[in-house]
C-alpha atoms as a PDB file:
ATOM      1  CA  MET A   1      34.832  52.963   4.203  1.00  0.00           C
ATOM      2  CA  THR A   2      32.621  52.223   1.204  1.00  0.00           C
ATOM      3  CA  GLN A   3      34.366  51.982  -2.155  1.00  0.00           C
ATOM      4  CA  ILE A   4      32.439  52.652  -5.368  1.00  0.00           C
ATOM      5  CA  VAL A   5      33.646  50.640  -8.364  1.00  0.00           C
ATOM      6  CA  VAL A   6      32.345  51.242 -11.881  1.00  0.00           C
ATOM      7  CA  VAL A   7      32.549  48.453 -14.461  1.00  0.00           C
ATOM      8  CA  THR A   8      32.596  50.233 -17.790  1.00  0.00           C
ATOM      9  CA  SER A   9      33.508  49.985 -21.466  1.00  0.00           C
ATOM     10  CA  GLY A  10      33.374  52.089 -24.587  1.00  0.00           C
ATOM     11  CA  LYS A  11      31.881  49.346 -26.735  1.00  0.00           C
ATOM     12  CA  GLY A  12      28.828  47.186 -26.143  1.00  0.00           C
ATOM     13  CA  GLY A  13      28.922  43.401 -26.024  1.00  0.00           C
ATOM     14  CA  VAL A  14      32.353  43.044 -24.408  1.00  0.00           C
ATOM     15  CA  GLY A  15      31.181  41.201 -21.277  1.00  0.00           C
ATOM     16  CA  LYS A  16      30.669  44.151 -18.971  1.00  0.00           C
ATOM     17  CA  THR A  17      27.520  42.898 -17.204  1.00  0.00           C
ATOM     18  CA  THR A  18      28.988  39.390 -16.995  1.00  0.00           C
ATOM     19  CA  THR A  19      31.990  40.996 -15.323  1.00  0.00           C
ATOM     20  CA  SER A  20      29.878  43.113 -12.953  1.00  0.00           C
ATOM     21  CA  ALA A  21      27.935  40.044 -11.800  1.00  0.00           C
ATOM     22  CA  SER A  22      31.046  37.902 -11.318  1.00  0.00           C
ATOM     23  CA  PHE A  23      33.095  40.677  -9.726  1.00  0.00           C
ATOM     24  CA  ALA A  24      30.356  41.576  -7.217  1.00  0.00           C
ATOM     25  CA  THR A  25      29.731  37.907  -6.436  1.00  0.00           C
ATOM     26  CA  GLY A  26      33.460  37.329  -5.953  1.00  0.00           C
ATOM     27  CA  LEU A  27      33.695  40.216  -3.472  1.00  0.00           C
ATOM     28  CA  ALA A  28      30.703  38.826  -1.552  1.00  0.00           C
ATOM     29  CA  MET A  29      32.343  35.373  -1.505  1.00  0.00           C
ATOM     30  CA  ARG A  30      35.328  37.010   0.179  1.00  0.00           C
ATOM     31  CA  GLY A  31      33.101  38.320   2.981  1.00  0.00           C
ATOM     32  CA  LYS A  32      32.676  41.853   1.617  1.00  0.00           C
ATOM     33  CA  LYS A  33      29.181  43.335   1.897  1.00  0.00           C
ATOM     34  CA  THR A  34      28.528  44.238  -1.730  1.00  0.00           C
ATOM     35  CA  ALA A  35      25.747  45.976  -3.664  1.00  0.00           C
ATOM     36  CA  VAL A  36      25.658  45.830  -7.457  1.00  0.00           C
ATOM     37  CA  ILE A  37      23.560  48.390  -9.349  1.00  0.00           C
ATOM     38  CA  ASP A  38      22.361  48.107 -12.944  1.00  0.00           C
ATOM     39  CA  PHE A  39      22.638  51.556 -14.577  1.00  0.00           C
ATOM     40  CA  ASP A  40      21.435  50.341 -17.988  1.00  0.00           C
ATOM     41  CA  VAL A  41      17.950  51.840 -17.720  1.00  0.00           C
ATOM     42  CA  GLY A  42      15.582  50.404 -20.335  1.00  0.00           C
ATOM     43  CA  LEU A  43      17.810  47.437 -21.186  1.00  0.00           C
ATOM     44  CA  ARG A  44      18.373  45.711 -17.867  1.00  0.00           C
ATOM     45  CA  ASN A  45      20.248  42.386 -17.936  1.00  0.00           C
ATOM     46  CA  LEU A  46      22.065  42.182 -14.610  1.00  0.00           C
ATOM     47  CA  ASP A  47      19.078  40.617 -12.835  1.00  0.00           C
ATOM     48  CA  LEU A  48      18.952  37.862 -15.494  1.00  0.00           C
ATOM     49  CA  ILE A  49      22.635  37.011 -15.151  1.00  0.00           C
ATOM     50  CA  LEU A  50      22.286  36.886 -11.365  1.00  0.00           C
ATOM     51  CA  GLY A  51      19.106  34.797 -11.589  1.00  0.00           C
ATOM     52  CA  VAL A  52      16.847  37.232  -9.700  1.00  0.00           C
ATOM     53  CA  GLU A  53      14.673  38.547 -12.551  1.00  0.00           C
ATOM     54  CA  ARG A  54      11.476  37.088 -11.021  1.00  0.00           C
ATOM     55  CA  ARG A  55      12.161  38.799  -7.708  1.00  0.00           C
ATOM     56  CA  VAL A  56      12.320  42.355  -9.093  1.00  0.00           C
ATOM     57  CA  VAL A  57       9.413  44.344  -7.636  1.00  0.00           C
ATOM     58  CA  TYR A  58      10.962  47.807  -7.414  1.00  0.00           C
ATOM     59  CA  ASP A  59      13.954  49.145  -9.318  1.00  0.00           C
ATOM     60  CA  PHE A  60      16.636  51.850  -9.261  1.00  0.00           C
ATOM     61  CA  ILE A  61      14.367  54.466 -10.870  1.00  0.00           C
ATOM     62  CA  ASN A  62      11.542  53.734  -8.419  1.00  0.00           C
ATOM     63  CA  VAL A  63      13.946  54.654  -5.615  1.00  0.00           C
ATOM     64  CA  ILE A  64      15.156  57.837  -7.336  1.00  0.00           C
ATOM     65  CA  GLN A  65      11.857  59.127  -8.732  1.00  0.00           C
ATOM     66  CA  ASP A  66       8.913  57.424  -7.011  1.00  0.00           C
ATOM     67  CA  GLY A  67       9.686  57.563  -3.298  1.00  0.00           C
ATOM     68  CA  VAL A  68      10.269  53.831  -2.935  1.00  0.00           C
ATOM     69  CA  LYS A  69      12.617  52.979  -0.069  1.00  0.00           C
ATOM     70  CA  LEU A  70      15.994  51.551  -1.027  1.00  0.00           C
ATOM     71  CA  THR A  71      15.441  48.626   1.352  1.00  0.00           C
ATOM     72  CA  GLN A  72      12.305  47.714  -0.635  1.00  0.00           C
ATOM     73  CA  ALA A  73      14.176  47.626  -3.947  1.00  0.00           C
ATOM     74  CA  LEU A  74      17.365  45.838  -2.877  1.00  0.00           C
ATOM     75  CA  ILE A  75      17.289  42.109  -3.624  1.00  0.00           C
ATOM     76  CA  LYS A  76      19.350  39.861  -1.362  1.00  0.00           C
ATOM     77  CA  ASP A  77      21.112  37.063  -3.227  1.00  0.00           C
ATOM     78  CA  LYS A  78      19.980  33.616  -2.077  1.00  0.00           C
ATOM     79  CA  GLN A  79      23.417  32.013  -2.318  1.00  0.00           C
ATOM     80  CA  HIS A  80      25.579  34.786  -0.858  1.00  0.00           C
ATOM     81  CA  GLU A  81      24.318  36.673   2.165  1.00  0.00           C
ATOM     82  CA  ASN A  82      26.703  39.590   1.502  1.00  0.00           C
ATOM     83  CA  LEU A  83      25.430  40.273  -2.033  1.00  0.00           C
ATOM     84  CA  PHE A  84      22.562  42.656  -2.855  1.00  0.00           C
ATOM     85  CA  ILE A  85      21.219  43.638  -6.291  1.00  0.00           C
ATOM     86  CA  LEU A  86      19.475  46.843  -7.392  1.00  0.00           C
ATOM     87  CA  ALA A  87      17.884  46.258 -10.804  1.00  0.00           C
ATOM     88  CA  ALA A  88      17.397  48.823 -13.566  1.00  0.00           C
ATOM     89  CA  SER A  89      14.000  49.802 -14.925  1.00  0.00           C
ATOM     90  CA  GLN A  90      12.847  48.232 -18.182  1.00  0.00           C
ATOM     91  CA  THR A  91      10.133  50.789 -18.840  1.00  0.00           C
ATOM     92  CA  ARG A  92      11.709  54.153 -18.049  1.00  0.00           C
ATOM     93  CA  ASP A  93      14.112  56.358 -19.995  1.00  0.00           C
ATOM     94  CA  LYS A  94      17.769  56.913 -19.087  1.00  0.00           C
ATOM     95  CA  GLU A  95      16.903  60.572 -18.473  1.00  0.00           C
ATOM     96  CA  ALA A  96      15.087  59.423 -15.323  1.00  0.00           C
ATOM     97  CA  LEU A  97      18.527  59.038 -13.734  1.00  0.00           C
ATOM     98  CA  THR A  98      19.557  62.207 -11.929  1.00  0.00           C
ATOM     99  CA  GLN A  99      22.914  63.039 -10.403  1.00  0.00           C
ATOM    100  CA  ASP A 100      21.323  63.983  -7.074  1.00  0.00           C
ATOM    101  CA  GLY A 101      19.248  60.802  -7.076  1.00  0.00           C
ATOM    102  CA  VAL A 102      22.259  58.599  -7.799  1.00  0.00           C
ATOM    103  CA  LYS A 103      24.263  60.314  -5.056  1.00  0.00           C
ATOM    104  CA  ARG A 104      21.440  59.836  -2.569  1.00  0.00           C
ATOM    105  CA  VAL A 105      21.284  56.084  -3.288  1.00  0.00           C
ATOM    106  CA  LEU A 106      25.074  55.693  -3.073  1.00  0.00           C
ATOM    107  CA  ASP A 107      25.195  57.663   0.198  1.00  0.00           C
ATOM    108  CA  GLU A 108      22.419  55.551   1.687  1.00  0.00           C
ATOM    109  CA  LEU A 109      24.188  52.319   0.721  1.00  0.00           C
ATOM    110  CA  ALA A 110      27.342  53.642   2.403  1.00  0.00           C
ATOM    111  CA  GLU A 111      25.332  54.399   5.539  1.00  0.00           C
ATOM    112  CA  MET A 112      24.033  50.806   5.460  1.00  0.00           C
ATOM    113  CA  GLY A 113      27.614  49.578   5.828  1.00  0.00           C
ATOM    114  CA  PHE A 114      28.364  48.270   2.367  1.00  0.00           C
ATOM    115  CA  ASP A 115      32.051  47.656   1.720  1.00  0.00           C
ATOM    116  CA  TYR A 116      31.700  47.867  -2.065  1.00  0.00           C
ATOM    117  CA  ILE A 117      29.157  49.304  -4.484  1.00  0.00           C
ATOM    118  CA  VAL A 118      29.626  47.931  -8.008  1.00  0.00           C
ATOM    119  CA  CYS A 119      28.072  50.096 -10.744  1.00  0.00           C
ATOM    120  CA  ASP A 120      27.285  48.154 -13.917  1.00  0.00           C
ATOM    121  CA  SER A 121      27.515  50.846 -16.571  1.00  0.00           C
ATOM    122  CA  PRO A 122      25.902  50.942 -20.009  1.00  0.00           C
ATOM    123  CA  ALA A 123      28.395  51.071 -22.863  1.00  0.00           C
ATOM    124  CA  GLY A 124      29.554  54.359 -24.295  1.00  0.00           C
ATOM    125  CA  ILE A 125      29.403  57.866 -22.901  1.00  0.00           C
ATOM    126  CA  GLU A 126      25.680  58.681 -22.717  1.00  0.00           C
ATOM    127  CA  THR A 127      23.736  59.632 -19.564  1.00  0.00           C
ATOM    128  CA  GLY A 128      23.661  56.227 -17.863  1.00  0.00           C
ATOM    129  CA  ALA A 129      27.377  55.656 -18.384  1.00  0.00           C
ATOM    130  CA  MET A 130      28.296  59.115 -17.114  1.00  0.00           C
ATOM    131  CA  MET A 131      26.104  58.632 -14.020  1.00  0.00           C
ATOM    132  CA  ALA A 132      27.661  55.225 -13.326  1.00  0.00           C
ATOM    133  CA  MET A 133      31.218  56.574 -13.371  1.00  0.00           C
ATOM    134  CA  HIS A 134      30.625  60.005 -11.807  1.00  0.00           C
ATOM    135  CA  TYR A 135      31.150  59.023  -8.158  1.00  0.00           C
ATOM    136  CA  ALA A 136      33.577  56.136  -8.758  1.00  0.00           C
ATOM    137  CA  ASP A 137      36.638  55.537  -6.601  1.00  0.00           C
ATOM    138  CA  ALA A 138      37.892  52.768  -8.888  1.00  0.00           C
ATOM    139  CA  ALA A 139      37.084  51.539 -12.395  1.00  0.00           C
ATOM    140  CA  VAL A 140      37.311  48.196 -14.157  1.00  0.00           C
ATOM    141  CA  VAL A 141      37.522  49.015 -17.866  1.00  0.00           C
ATOM    142  CA  VAL A 142      36.456  45.987 -19.910  1.00  0.00           C
ATOM    143  CA  THR A 143      37.782  45.516 -23.430  1.00  0.00           C
ATOM    144  CA  ASN A 144      38.078  42.806 -26.058  1.00  0.00           C
ATOM    145  CA  PRO A 145      41.397  42.253 -27.872  1.00  0.00           C
ATOM    146  CA  GLU A 146      40.274  44.049 -31.029  1.00  0.00           C
ATOM    147  CA  VAL A 147      41.129  47.507 -32.331  1.00  0.00           C
ATOM    148  CA  SER A 148      37.662  49.113 -32.123  1.00  0.00           C
ATOM    149  CA  SER A 149      37.073  47.926 -28.560  1.00  0.00           C
ATOM    150  CA  VAL A 150      40.499  49.079 -27.382  1.00  0.00           C
ATOM    151  CA  ARG A 151      40.090  52.468 -29.093  1.00  0.00           C
ATOM    152  CA  ASP A 152      36.720  53.012 -27.399  1.00  0.00           C
ATOM    153  CA  SER A 153      38.221  52.007 -24.041  1.00  0.00           C
ATOM    154  CA  ASP A 154      40.852  54.717 -24.501  1.00  0.00           C
ATOM    155  CA  ARG A 155      38.023  57.240 -24.749  1.00  0.00           C
ATOM    156  CA  ILE A 156      36.469  55.926 -21.528  1.00  0.00           C
ATOM    157  CA  LEU A 157      39.810  56.277 -19.744  1.00  0.00           C
ATOM    158  CA  GLY A 158      39.830  59.922 -20.832  1.00  0.00           C
ATOM    159  CA  MET A 159      36.368  60.401 -19.304  1.00  0.00           C
ATOM    160  CA  LEU A 160      37.430  58.782 -16.031  1.00  0.00           C
ATOM    161  CA  SER A 161      40.341  61.190 -15.719  1.00  0.00           C
ATOM    162  CA  SER A 162      38.330  64.326 -16.517  1.00  0.00           C
ATOM    163  CA  LYS A 163      34.573  63.922 -15.908  1.00  0.00           C
ATOM    164  CA  THR A 164      34.290  62.173 -12.524  1.00  0.00           C
ATOM    165  CA  GLN A 165      33.678  63.877  -9.186  1.00  0.00           C
ATOM    166  CA  ARG A 166      37.245  63.075  -8.153  1.00  0.00           C
ATOM    167  CA  ALA A 167      38.560  64.912 -11.223  1.00  0.00           C
ATOM    168  CA  ILE A 168      36.248  67.869 -10.619  1.00  0.00           C
ATOM    169  CA  ASP A 169      37.328  68.111  -6.954  1.00  0.00           C
ATOM    170  CA  GLY A 170      41.023  67.752  -7.805  1.00  0.00           C
ATOM    171  CA  ARG A 171      41.304  64.675  -5.589  1.00  0.00           C
ATOM    172  CA  GLU A 172      43.323  61.540  -6.191  1.00  0.00           C
ATOM    173  CA  PRO A 173      42.133  60.181  -9.564  1.00  0.00           C
ATOM    174  CA  VAL A 174      39.912  57.162 -10.058  1.00  0.00           C
ATOM    175  CA  LYS A 175      42.039  54.019  -9.776  1.00  0.00           C
ATOM    176  CA  GLU A 176      41.903  52.351 -13.187  1.00  0.00           C
ATOM    177  CA  HIS A 177      42.085  48.618 -13.860  1.00  0.00           C
ATOM    178  CA  LEU A 178      42.031  47.043 -17.316  1.00  0.00           C
ATOM    179  CA  LEU A 179      40.231  43.738 -17.849  1.00  0.00           C
ATOM    180  CA  ILE A 180      40.580  41.909 -21.169  1.00  0.00           C
ATOM    181  CA  THR A 181      37.749  39.520 -21.992  1.00  0.00           C
ATOM    182  CA  ARG A 182      37.263  36.858 -24.679  1.00  0.00           C
ATOM    183  CA  TYR A 183      41.000  36.415 -25.019  1.00  0.00           C
ATOM    184  CA  ASN A 184      42.172  33.525 -27.185  1.00  0.00           C
ATOM    185  CA  PRO A 185      45.977  33.173 -27.200  1.00  0.00           C
ATOM    186  CA  ASN A 186      45.891  30.830 -30.207  1.00  0.00           C
ATOM    187  CA  ARG A 187      44.077  33.482 -32.250  1.00  0.00           C
ATOM    188  CA  VAL A 188      46.509  36.106 -30.963  1.00  0.00           C
ATOM    189  CA  GLU A 189      49.392  33.945 -32.159  1.00  0.00           C
ATOM    190  CA  GLY A 190      47.686  33.686 -35.556  1.00  0.00           C
ATOM    191  CA  GLY A 191      47.399  37.467 -35.805  1.00  0.00           C
ATOM    192  CA  GLN A 192      43.589  37.509 -35.484  1.00  0.00           C
ATOM    193  CA  MET A 193      43.539  39.345 -32.139  1.00  0.00           C
ATOM    194  CA  LEU A 194      45.631  42.030 -30.481  1.00  0.00           C
ATOM    195  CA  SER A 195      48.246  40.757 -28.046  1.00  0.00           C
ATOM    196  CA  LEU A 196      48.511  41.876 -24.423  1.00  0.00           C
ATOM    197  CA  GLY A 197      51.562  43.908 -25.444  1.00  0.00           C
ATOM    198  CA  ASP A 198      49.628  45.627 -28.233  1.00  0.00           C
ATOM    199  CA  ILE A 199      46.799  46.550 -25.859  1.00  0.00           C
ATOM    200  CA  HIS A 200      49.170  47.827 -23.176  1.00  0.00           C
ATOM    201  CA  GLU A 201      50.970  49.943 -25.787  1.00  0.00           C
ATOM    202  CA  ILE A 202      47.693  51.701 -26.611  1.00  0.00           C
ATOM    203  CA  LEU A 203      46.040  52.023 -23.179  1.00  0.00           C
ATOM    204  CA  ARG A 204      48.935  52.070 -20.683  1.00  0.00           C
ATOM    205  CA  THR A 205      46.583  50.948 -17.904  1.00  0.00           C
ATOM    206  CA  PRO A 206      47.385  48.314 -15.222  1.00  0.00           C
ATOM    207  CA  LEU A 207      46.035  44.900 -16.202  1.00  0.00           C
ATOM    208  CA  ILE A 208      43.867  43.294 -13.519  1.00  0.00           C
ATOM    209  CA  GLY A 209      43.023  40.154 -15.459  1.00  0.00           C
ATOM    210  CA  VAL A 210      42.472  38.222 -18.665  1.00  0.00           C
ATOM    211  CA  ILE A 211      39.235  36.288 -19.137  1.00  0.00           C
ATOM    212  CA  PRO A 212      39.614  33.505 -21.699  1.00  0.00           C
ATOM    213  CA  GLU A 213      37.195  33.015 -24.577  1.00  0.00           C
ATOM    214  CA  SER A 214      34.883  30.246 -23.399  1.00  0.00           C
ATOM    215  CA  GLU A 215      31.421  28.744 -23.869  1.00  0.00           C
ATOM    216  CA  ALA A 216      31.130  28.698 -20.064  1.00  0.00           C
ATOM    217  CA  VAL A 217      30.104  32.377 -20.183  1.00  0.00           C
ATOM    218  CA  LEU A 218      27.053  31.625 -22.350  1.00  0.00           C
ATOM    219  CA  GLN A 219      26.209  28.561 -20.260  1.00  0.00           C
ATOM    220  CA  ALA A 220      26.334  30.649 -17.077  1.00  0.00           C
ATOM    221  CA  SER A 221      24.117  33.360 -18.603  1.00  0.00           C
ATOM    222  CA  ASN A 222      21.541  30.795 -19.744  1.00  0.00           C
ATOM    223  CA  GLN A 223      21.499  29.235 -16.270  1.00  0.00           C
ATOM    224  CA  GLY A 224      21.130  32.587 -14.513  1.00  0.00           C
ATOM    225  CA  VAL A 225      24.347  32.267 -12.514  1.00  0.00           C
ATOM    226  CA  PRO A 226      27.474  34.460 -12.528  1.00  0.00           C
ATOM    227  CA  ALA A 227      30.344  32.990 -14.556  1.00  0.00           C
ATOM    228  CA  ILE A 228      32.540  33.000 -11.439  1.00  0.00           C
ATOM    229  CA  LEU A 229      30.353  30.161 -10.080  1.00  0.00           C
ATOM    230  CA  MET A 230      30.991  27.850 -13.059  1.00  0.00           C
ATOM    231  CA  LYS A 231      33.271  25.590 -11.050  1.00  0.00           C
ATOM    232  CA  GLY A 232      36.120  23.946 -12.924  1.00  0.00           C
ATOM    233  CA  SER A 233      36.004  26.416 -15.809  1.00  0.00           C
ATOM    234  CA  ASN A 234      38.890  28.671 -16.826  1.00  0.00           C
ATOM    235  CA  VAL A 235      36.507  31.637 -16.792  1.00  0.00           C
ATOM    236  CA  ALA A 236      35.567  31.095 -13.132  1.00  0.00           C
ATOM    237  CA  GLU A 237      39.233  30.738 -12.167  1.00  0.00           C
ATOM    238  CA  ALA A 238      40.123  33.902 -14.085  1.00  0.00           C
ATOM    239  CA  TYR A 239      37.413  35.927 -12.333  1.00  0.00           C
ATOM    240  CA  LEU A 240      38.510  34.601  -8.938  1.00  0.00           C
ATOM    241  CA  ASP A 241      42.013  35.833  -9.806  1.00  0.00           C
ATOM    242  CA  VAL A 242      40.632  39.271 -10.733  1.00  0.00           C
ATOM    243  CA  VAL A 243      38.888  39.624  -7.375  1.00  0.00           C
ATOM    244  CA  GLY A 244      42.029  38.485  -5.547  1.00  0.00           C
ATOM    245  CA  ARG A 245      44.193  41.023  -7.384  1.00  0.00           C
ATOM    246  CA  PHE A 246      41.656  43.789  -6.733  1.00  0.00           C
ATOM    247  CA  LEU A 247      41.887  42.997  -3.016  1.00  0.00           C
ATOM    248  CA  GLY A 248      45.658  43.352  -3.167  1.00  0.00           C
ATOM    249  CA  GLU A 249      46.815  39.767  -3.637  1.00  0.00           C
ATOM    250  CA  GLU A 250      49.685  38.762  -5.914  1.00  0.00           C
ATOM    251  CA  ARG A 251      48.447  36.217  -8.442  1.00  0.00           C
ATOM    252  CA  PRO A 252      50.126  35.019 -11.647  1.00  0.00           C
ATOM    253  CA  MET A 253      48.392  35.955 -14.895  1.00  0.00           C
ATOM    254  CA  ARG A 254      46.901  32.739 -16.292  1.00  0.00           C
ATOM    255  CA  PHE A 255      45.262  31.691 -19.575  1.00  0.00           C
ATOM    256  CA  ILE A 256      47.467  33.928 -21.707  1.00  0.00           C
ATOM    257  CA  GLU A 257      49.706  31.343 -23.392  1.00  0.00           C
ATOM    258  CA  ALA A 258      48.835  29.549 -26.641  1.00  0.00           C
ATOM    259  CA  GLU A 259      48.168  25.849 -26.254  1.00  0.00           C
ATOM    260  CA  LYS A 260      51.132  23.785 -27.386  1.00  0.00           C
ATOM    261  CA  GLN A 261      50.155  21.045 -29.804  1.00  0.00           C
ATOM    262  CA  GLY A 262      51.473  17.567 -29.104  1.00  0.00           C
ATOM    263  CA  PHE A 263      53.253  15.400 -31.700  1.00  0.00           C
ATOM    264  CA  PHE A 264      50.175  13.403 -32.744  1.00  0.00           C
ATOM    265  CA  LYS A 265      47.987  16.499 -32.895  1.00  0.00           C
ATOM    266  CA  ARG A 266      50.496  18.191 -35.205  1.00  0.00           C
ATOM    267  CA  TRP A 267      50.959  15.035 -37.284  1.00  0.00           C
ATOM    268  CA  PHE A 268      47.255  14.270 -37.802  1.00  0.00           C
ATOM    269  CA  GLY A 269      46.083  17.904 -37.723  1.00  0.00           C
ATOM    270  CA  ARG A 270      43.423  17.314 -35.093  1.00  0.00           C
END
């Protein structure tokens, strides 16, 4: 049975599209037939991060509004045969998204035998974000360890529990997962970032992973590859852990402890 997963956040710039690309790629690496849809109409970035921007001929809005077949718009990833991308439009308005149109695309993907549909949501609570979360079965709520980001994530959690189709139907609620990105335990120890305990105290949502602050994310974006494919990096390992936990595996939470300075580093201050 197809599961729809929305990757969402209240605040922009927290690593949501990076997460969508890595999460969808990770599911495909595990043999799950996965489609990832960019809901950020007018500001598409998912195709860039996945390195398929030159292969976009038709987009999500073309399928909804212009009679283009879904099979024409889906882009098959060259590295992972189980991964398919549906890009957003750069030229249309978010109002071009319709609830009926989104449902039709999701239903058709389910009929095509996809195990997972990952919806890369725009930030906030405007039309695109509401459309991305409306039919979700599960949500990955992405936040940074800072007060404004966590506060905005709390608002998104409220939307997930009240505005989705599951909430309207009175069914089992959307399964919520919290993902903390750009986490630097040394800065947490210095009081510059919220701790995991602080964030849990505010959001009370199960933690699916912690992505460390790293230049590997920018390097991956510039190379047009998902961060999960940056072999040997802490970021890639952290995203692999997230996918494993989502699929029900028990994995220890890594990259959350401050680095201990050795004697010479403390003595010479470097």
